[in-house]
PDB file of all heavy atoms in Angstrom:
ATOM      1  N   PRO A   1     -11.004   0.206   4.215  1.00  0.00           N
ATOM      2  CA  PRO A   1     -11.603   1.530   4.298  1.00  0.00           C
ATOM      3  C   PRO A   1     -10.777   2.525   5.151  1.00  0.00           C
ATOM      4  O   PRO A   1     -10.925   3.734   4.990  1.00  0.00           O
ATOM      5  CB  PRO A   1     -12.961   1.290   4.952  1.00  0.00           C
ATOM      6  CG  PRO A   1     -12.737   0.017   5.769  1.00  0.00           C
ATOM      7  CD  PRO A   1     -11.763  -0.797   4.975  1.00  0.00           C
ATOM      8  N   LYS A   2      -9.969   2.008   6.064  1.00  0.00           N
ATOM      9  CA  LYS A   2      -9.154   2.896   6.922  1.00  0.00           C
ATOM     10  C   LYS A   2      -7.685   2.565   6.794  1.00  0.00           C
ATOM     11  O   LYS A   2      -7.297   1.389   6.582  1.00  0.00           O
ATOM     12  CB  LYS A   2      -9.595   2.727   8.377  1.00  0.00           C
ATOM     13  CG  LYS A   2     -11.006   3.241   8.655  1.00  0.00           C
ATOM     14  CD  LYS A   2     -11.333   3.106  10.143  1.00  0.00           C
ATOM     15  CE  LYS A   2     -12.741   3.604  10.450  1.00  0.00           C
ATOM     16  NZ  LYS A   2     -13.079   3.489  11.876  1.00  0.00           N
ATOM     17  N   ARG A   3      -6.842   3.572   6.987  1.00  0.00           N
ATOM     18  CA  ARG A   3      -5.425   3.366   6.923  1.00  0.00           C
ATOM     19  C   ARG A   3      -4.986   2.488   8.093  1.00  0.00           C
ATOM     20  O   ARG A   3      -5.275   2.762   9.253  1.00  0.00           O
ATOM     21  CB  ARG A   3      -4.689   4.726   7.019  1.00  0.00           C
ATOM     22  CG  ARG A   3      -3.174   4.642   6.905  1.00  0.00           C
ATOM     23  CD  ARG A   3      -2.571   6.040   7.089  1.00  0.00           C
ATOM     24  NE  ARG A   3      -1.109   5.991   7.095  1.00  0.00           N
ATOM     25  CZ  ARG A   3      -0.348   6.243   6.033  1.00  0.00           C
ATOM     26  NH1 ARG A   3      -0.916   6.554   4.872  1.00  0.00           N
ATOM     27  NH2 ARG A   3       0.975   6.204   6.106  1.00  0.00           N
ATOM     28  N   PRO A   4      -4.290   1.356   7.812  1.00  0.00           N
ATOM     29  CA  PRO A   4      -3.896   0.455   8.890  1.00  0.00           C
ATOM     30  C   PRO A   4      -2.795   1.069   9.759  1.00  0.00           C
ATOM     31  O   PRO A   4      -2.088   1.996   9.334  1.00  0.00           O
ATOM     32  CB  PRO A   4      -3.388  -0.781   8.133  1.00  0.00           C
ATOM     33  CG  PRO A   4      -2.923  -0.264   6.813  1.00  0.00           C
ATOM     34  CD  PRO A   4      -3.860   0.863   6.463  1.00  0.00           C
ATOM     35  N   ARG A   5      -2.642   0.493  10.923  1.00  0.00           N
ATOM     36  CA  ARG A   5      -1.589   0.938  11.824  1.00  0.00           C
ATOM     37  C   ARG A   5      -0.395  -0.002  11.865  1.00  0.00           C
ATOM     38  O   ARG A   5       0.713   0.441  12.141  1.00  0.00           O
ATOM     39  CB  ARG A   5      -2.166   1.047  13.273  1.00  0.00           C
ATOM     40  CG  ARG A   5      -3.231   2.131  13.401  1.00  0.00           C
ATOM     41  CD  ARG A   5      -3.700   2.250  14.846  1.00  0.00           C
ATOM     42  NE  ARG A   5      -4.696   3.294  14.995  1.00  0.00           N
ATOM     43  CZ  ARG A   5      -5.256   3.627  16.166  1.00  0.00           C
ATOM     44  NH1 ARG A   5      -4.929   2.937  17.286  1.00  0.00           N
ATOM     45  NH2 ARG A   5      -6.141   4.592  16.224  1.00  0.00           N
ATOM     46  N   GLU A   6      -0.601  -1.248  11.567  1.00  0.00           N
ATOM     47  CA  GLU A   6       0.482  -2.203  11.598  1.00  0.00           C
ATOM     48  C   GLU A   6       1.445  -1.947  10.437  1.00  0.00           C
ATOM     49  O   GLU A   6       1.029  -1.762   9.304  1.00  0.00           O
ATOM     50  CB  GLU A   6      -0.052  -3.650  11.487  1.00  0.00           C
ATOM     51  CG  GLU A   6      -0.872  -4.094  12.691  1.00  0.00           C
ATOM     52  CD  GLU A   6      -0.037  -4.194  13.948  1.00  0.00           C
ATOM     53  OE1 GLU A   6       1.166  -4.527  13.813  1.00  0.00           O
ATOM     54  OE2 GLU A   6      -0.547  -3.936  15.039  1.00  0.00           O
ATOM     55  N   VAL A   7       2.742  -1.955  10.754  1.00  0.00           N
ATOM     56  CA  VAL A   7       3.760  -1.658   9.726  1.00  0.00           C
ATOM     57  C   VAL A   7       3.694  -2.662   8.585  1.00  0.00           C
ATOM     58  O   VAL A   7       3.762  -2.282   7.409  1.00  0.00           O
ATOM     59  CB  VAL A   7       5.163  -1.657  10.362  1.00  0.00           C
ATOM     60  CG1 VAL A   7       6.257  -1.638   9.300  1.00  0.00           C
ATOM     61  CG2 VAL A   7       5.332  -0.501  11.317  1.00  0.00           C
ATOM     62  N   ALA A   8       3.518  -3.925   8.885  1.00  0.00           N
ATOM     63  CA  ALA A   8       3.468  -4.941   7.826  1.00  0.00           C
ATOM     64  C   ALA A   8       2.300  -4.701   6.880  1.00  0.00           C
ATOM     65  O   ALA A   8       2.416  -4.908   5.678  1.00  0.00           O
ATOM     66  CB  ALA A   8       3.333  -6.339   8.455  1.00  0.00           C
ATOM     67  N   GLU A   9       1.164  -4.246   7.397  1.00  0.00           N
ATOM     68  CA  GLU A   9       0.013  -3.952   6.564  1.00  0.00           C
ATOM     69  C   GLU A   9       0.272  -2.690   5.712  1.00  0.00           C
ATOM     70  O   GLU A   9      -0.116  -2.630   4.548  1.00  0.00           O
ATOM     71  CB  GLU A   9      -1.240  -3.776   7.411  1.00  0.00           C
ATOM     72  CG  GLU A   9      -1.701  -5.088   8.065  1.00  0.00           C
ATOM     73  CD  GLU A   9      -2.918  -4.889   8.941  1.00  0.00           C
ATOM     74  OE1 GLU A   9      -3.186  -3.758   9.373  1.00  0.00           O
ATOM     75  OE2 GLU A   9      -3.633  -5.868   9.184  1.00  0.00           O
ATOM     76  N   LEU A  10       0.916  -1.699   6.291  1.00  0.00           N
ATOM     77  CA  LEU A  10       1.297  -0.514   5.521  1.00  0.00           C
ATOM     78  C   LEU A  10       2.225  -0.888   4.408  1.00  0.00           C
ATOM     79  O   LEU A  10       2.098  -0.404   3.238  1.00  0.00           O
ATOM     80  CB  LEU A  10       1.948   0.525   6.419  1.00  0.00           C
ATOM     81  CG  LEU A  10       1.032   1.270   7.409  1.00  0.00           C
ATOM     82  CD1 LEU A  10       1.870   1.992   8.425  1.00  0.00           C
ATOM     83  CD2 LEU A  10       0.130   2.237   6.671  1.00  0.00           C
ATOM     84  N   GLN A  11       3.185  -1.742   4.678  1.00  0.00           N
ATOM     85  CA  GLN A  11       4.120  -2.173   3.667  1.00  0.00           C
ATOM     86  C   GLN A  11       3.421  -2.956   2.539  1.00  0.00           C
ATOM     87  O   GLN A  11       3.722  -2.809   1.361  1.00  0.00           O
ATOM     88  CB  GLN A  11       5.232  -2.994   4.290  1.00  0.00           C
ATOM     89  CG  GLN A  11       6.139  -2.174   5.199  1.00  0.00           C
ATOM     90  CD  GLN A  11       7.139  -3.018   5.978  1.00  0.00           C
ATOM     91  OE1 GLN A  11       6.858  -4.181   6.268  1.00  0.00           O
ATOM     92  NE2 GLN A  11       8.257  -2.443   6.341  1.00  0.00           N
ATOM     93  N   ALA A  12       2.480  -3.800   2.923  1.00  0.00           N
ATOM     94  CA  ALA A  12       1.741  -4.571   1.941  1.00  0.00           C
ATOM     95  C   ALA A  12       0.903  -3.657   1.038  1.00  0.00           C
ATOM     96  O   ALA A  12       0.863  -3.843  -0.179  1.00  0.00           O
ATOM     97  CB  ALA A  12       0.848  -5.597   2.648  1.00  0.00           C
ATOM     98  N   ALA A  13       0.249  -2.673   1.661  1.00  0.00           N
ATOM     99  CA  ALA A  13      -0.554  -1.743   0.873  1.00  0.00           C
ATOM    100  C   ALA A  13       0.331  -0.960  -0.114  1.00  0.00           C
ATOM    101  O   ALA A  13      -0.041  -0.743  -1.244  1.00  0.00           O
ATOM    102  CB  ALA A  13      -1.289  -0.776   1.807  1.00  0.00           C
ATOM    103  N   ALA A  14       1.509  -0.558   0.369  1.00  0.00           N
ATOM    104  CA  ALA A  14       2.452   0.158  -0.493  1.00  0.00           C
ATOM    105  C   ALA A  14       2.882  -0.698  -1.675  1.00  0.00           C
ATOM    106  O   ALA A  14       2.974  -0.220  -2.814  1.00  0.00           O
ATOM    107  CB  ALA A  14       3.644   0.644   0.285  1.00  0.00           C
ATOM    108  N   ALA A  15       3.165  -1.955  -1.417  1.00  0.00           N
ATOM    109  CA  ALA A  15       3.633  -2.868  -2.493  1.00  0.00           C
ATOM    110  C   ALA A  15       2.554  -3.016  -3.535  1.00  0.00           C
ATOM    111  O   ALA A  15       2.846  -3.030  -4.750  1.00  0.00           O
ATOM    112  CB  ALA A  15       3.999  -4.229  -1.883  1.00  0.00           C
ATOM    113  N   VAL A  16       1.303  -3.158  -3.130  1.00  0.00           N
ATOM    114  CA  VAL A  16       0.193  -3.300  -4.080  1.00  0.00           C
ATOM    115  C   VAL A  16      -0.036  -1.997  -4.828  1.00  0.00           C
ATOM    116  O   VAL A  16      -0.164  -1.986  -6.065  1.00  0.00           O
ATOM    117  CB  VAL A  16      -1.076  -3.721  -3.339  1.00  0.00           C
ATOM    118  CG1 VAL A  16      -2.286  -3.710  -4.301  1.00  0.00           C
ATOM    119  CG2 VAL A  16      -0.927  -5.138  -2.742  1.00  0.00           C
ATOM    120  N   GLY A  17      -0.053  -0.873  -4.124  1.00  0.00           N
ATOM    121  CA  GLY A  17      -0.382   0.390  -4.736  1.00  0.00           C
ATOM    122  C   GLY A  17       0.727   0.958  -5.629  1.00  0.00           C
ATOM    123  O   GLY A  17       0.445   1.673  -6.577  1.00  0.00           O
ATOM    124  N   GLN A  18       1.973   0.613  -5.345  1.00  0.00           N
ATOM    125  CA  GLN A  18       3.055   1.154  -6.124  1.00  0.00           C
ATOM    126  C   GLN A  18       2.999   0.737  -7.566  1.00  0.00           C
ATOM    127  O   GLN A  18       3.392   1.504  -8.468  1.00  0.00           O
ATOM    128  CB  GLN A  18       4.388   0.688  -5.514  1.00  0.00           C
ATOM    129  CG  GLN A  18       5.638   1.435  -6.005  1.00  0.00           C
ATOM    130  CD  GLN A  18       5.582   2.894  -5.656  1.00  0.00           C
ATOM    131  OE1 GLN A  18       5.451   3.748  -6.509  1.00  0.00           O
ATOM    132  NE2 GLN A  18       5.727   3.205  -4.385  1.00  0.00           N
ATOM    133  N   MET A  19       2.495  -0.437  -7.847  1.00  0.00           N
ATOM    134  CA  MET A  19       2.360  -0.910  -9.214  1.00  0.00           C
ATOM    135  C   MET A  19       1.469   0.010 -10.036  1.00  0.00           C
ATOM    136  O   MET A  19       1.845   0.458 -11.114  1.00  0.00           O
ATOM    137  CB  MET A  19       1.774  -2.338  -9.208  1.00  0.00           C
ATOM    138  CG  MET A  19       2.649  -3.372  -8.557  1.00  0.00           C
ATOM    139  SD  MET A  19       4.125  -3.725  -9.509  1.00  0.00           S
ATOM    140  CE  MET A  19       3.427  -4.586 -10.901  1.00  0.00           C
ATOM    141  N   GLY A  20       0.304   0.285  -9.484  1.00  0.00           N
ATOM    142  CA  GLY A  20      -0.644   1.170 -10.211  1.00  0.00           C
ATOM    143  C   GLY A  20      -0.130   2.590 -10.344  1.00  0.00           C
ATOM    144  O   GLY A  20      -0.352   3.234 -11.372  1.00  0.00           O
ATOM    145  N   LEU A  21       0.469   3.086  -9.276  1.00  0.00           N
ATOM    146  CA  LEU A  21       0.934   4.468  -9.266  1.00  0.00           C
ATOM    147  C   LEU A  21       2.014   4.700 -10.327  1.00  0.00           C
ATOM    148  O   LEU A  21       1.924   5.645 -11.117  1.00  0.00           O
ATOM    149  CB  LEU A  21       1.506   4.808  -7.876  1.00  0.00           C
ATOM    150  CG  LEU A  21       1.874   6.267  -7.626  1.00  0.00           C
ATOM    151  CD1 LEU A  21       0.636   7.150  -7.597  1.00  0.00           C
ATOM    152  CD2 LEU A  21       2.653   6.419  -6.313  1.00  0.00           C
ATOM    153  N   ALA A  22       2.989   3.806 -10.393  1.00  0.00           N
ATOM    154  CA  ALA A  22       4.045   3.938 -11.384  1.00  0.00           C
ATOM    155  C   ALA A  22       3.503   3.829 -12.815  1.00  0.00           C
ATOM    156  O   ALA A  22       3.903   4.604 -13.707  1.00  0.00           O
ATOM    157  CB  ALA A  22       5.127   2.898 -11.155  1.00  0.00           C
ATOM    158  N   GLN A  23       2.598   2.899 -13.002  1.00  0.00           N
ATOM    159  CA  GLN A  23       2.025   2.687 -14.352  1.00  0.00           C
ATOM    160  C   GLN A  23       1.258   3.916 -14.800  1.00  0.00           C
ATOM    161  O   GLN A  23       1.331   4.343 -15.948  1.00  0.00           O
ATOM    162  CB  GLN A  23       1.124   1.474 -14.355  1.00  0.00           C
ATOM    163  CG  GLN A  23       0.550   1.162 -15.735  1.00  0.00           C
ATOM    164  CD  GLN A  23      -0.378  -0.044 -15.702  1.00  0.00           C
ATOM    165  OE1 GLN A  23      -1.087  -0.261 -14.741  1.00  0.00           O
ATOM    166  NE2 GLN A  23      -0.360  -0.827 -16.771  1.00  0.00           N
ATOM    167  N   MET A  24       0.501   4.533 -13.872  1.00  0.00           N
ATOM    168  CA  MET A  24      -0.334   5.683 -14.220  1.00  0.00           C
ATOM    169  C   MET A  24       0.551   6.860 -14.647  1.00  0.00           C
ATOM    170  O   MET A  24       0.303   7.530 -15.662  1.00  0.00           O
ATOM    171  CB  MET A  24      -1.220   6.072 -13.060  1.00  0.00           C
ATOM    172  CG  MET A  24      -2.111   7.276 -13.319  1.00  0.00           C
ATOM    173  SD  MET A  24      -3.384   6.936 -14.581  1.00  0.00           S
ATOM    174  CE  MET A  24      -4.499   5.898 -13.623  1.00  0.00           C
TER     175      MET A  24
END
């Protein structure tokens, strides 16, 4: 629900979200 602060978590979120973003 909230944007994480840890860099590793931000990177993980980006990796997951990039798939859907590019496809859309």
